[in-house]
């Protein structure tokens, strides 16, 4: 699955609920998941790290969808001008 397909899937599955939750709460959830990922990296198993990485990706995708931004376009910056 490419990043655009994943973004579409997340929109289909969670878009309405995520929008109802709103951006401030979604940012808070993302921050919490980043903290859980950090802990999994320090003390967790590979499976726990993978799980938390997926959670971070899902919440980041939720934010992109709520902001009507493309993760593909955001990632393209690192192709076009990786030094910035």
Protein backbone atom coordinates (compact mmCIF):
# COMPACT_ATOMS: atom_id res chain seq x y z
CA UNK A 1 0.00 0.00 0.00
CA UNK A 2 1.35 3.43 -0.85
CA UNK A 3 0.99 6.46 1.36
CA UNK A 4 -1.86 7.96 -0.65
CA UNK A 5 -3.85 4.73 -0.44
CA UNK A 6 -3.26 4.61 3.30
CA UNK A 7 -4.42 8.20 3.66
CA UNK A 8 -7.60 7.37 1.71
CA UNK A 9 -8.21 4.27 3.83
CA UNK A 10 -7.84 6.23 7.07
CA UNK A 11 -10.25 8.86 5.75
CA UNK A 12 -12.84 6.21 4.89
CA UNK A 13 -12.52 4.42 8.23
CA UNK A 14 -12.03 7.29 10.67
CA UNK A 15 -12.49 10.61 8.87
CA UNK A 16 -15.86 11.59 10.29
CA UNK A 17 -14.99 10.59 13.86
CA UNK A 18 -11.62 12.32 13.63
CA UNK A 19 -13.21 15.56 12.42
CA UNK A 20 -15.76 15.43 15.23
CA UNK A 21 -12.89 14.98 17.72
CA UNK A 22 -11.14 18.00 16.22
CA UNK A 23 -7.58 19.07 15.66
CA UNK A 24 -6.56 19.91 19.25
CA UNK A 25 -7.57 16.47 20.51
CA UNK A 26 -5.98 14.75 17.53
CA UNK A 27 -2.70 16.59 18.16
CA UNK A 28 -2.86 15.47 21.79
CA UNK A 29 -3.40 11.85 20.72
CA UNK A 30 -0.48 12.08 18.30
CA UNK A 31 1.77 13.40 21.06
CA UNK A 32 0.69 10.60 23.36
CA UNK A 33 1.44 8.02 20.69
CA UNK A 34 4.88 9.53 20.02
CA UNK A 35 5.58 9.14 23.74
CA UNK A 36 4.47 5.50 23.62
CA UNK A 37 6.71 4.94 20.59
CA UNK A 38 9.65 6.47 22.44
CA UNK A 39 9.05 4.13 25.36
CA UNK A 40 8.73 1.13 23.06
CA UNK A 41 12.02 2.07 21.40
CA UNK A 42 13.73 2.27 24.78
CA UNK A 43 12.22 -0.78 26.45
CA UNK A 44 9.89 -2.59 24.09
CA UNK A 45 10.03 -5.49 21.73
CA UNK A 46 10.16 -5.18 17.97
CA UNK A 47 6.44 -6.01 17.83
CA UNK A 48 5.64 -3.25 20.34
CA UNK A 49 7.77 -0.79 18.38
CA UNK A 50 6.00 -1.70 15.15
CA UNK A 51 2.60 -1.34 16.82
CA UNK A 52 3.41 2.11 18.19
CA UNK A 53 4.94 3.22 14.90
CA UNK A 54 1.65 2.30 13.23
CA UNK A 55 -0.29 4.31 15.81
CA UNK A 56 1.90 7.38 15.18
CA UNK A 57 1.41 6.98 11.43
CA UNK A 58 -2.36 6.69 11.87
CA UNK A 59 -2.63 9.86 13.99
CA UNK A 60 -0.33 11.79 11.67
CA UNK A 61 -2.54 10.71 8.79
CA UNK A 62 -5.63 11.80 10.71
CA UNK A 63 -4.16 15.27 11.12
CA UNK A 64 -3.25 15.49 7.44
CA UNK A 65 -6.79 14.49 6.49
CA UNK A 66 -8.37 17.00 8.87
CA UNK A 67 -6.14 19.71 7.42
CA UNK A 68 -6.94 18.52 3.87
CA UNK A 69 -3.23 18.03 3.18
CA UNK A 70 -1.54 15.29 1.20
CA UNK A 71 1.12 13.22 2.94
CA UNK A 72 2.45 12.37 -0.52
CA UNK A 73 3.00 16.07 -1.19
CA UNK A 74 4.57 16.54 2.24
CA UNK A 75 6.98 13.67 1.59
CA UNK A 76 7.81 14.99 -1.89
CA UNK A 77 9.73 17.82 -0.24
CA UNK A 78 12.40 15.29 0.74
CA UNK A 79 12.68 14.22 -2.89
CA UNK A 80 12.79 17.74 -4.32
CA UNK A 81 14.90 19.54 -1.70
CA UNK A 82 16.15 17.06 0.89
CA UNK A 83 18.60 19.52 2.41
CA UNK A 84 15.91 21.92 3.67
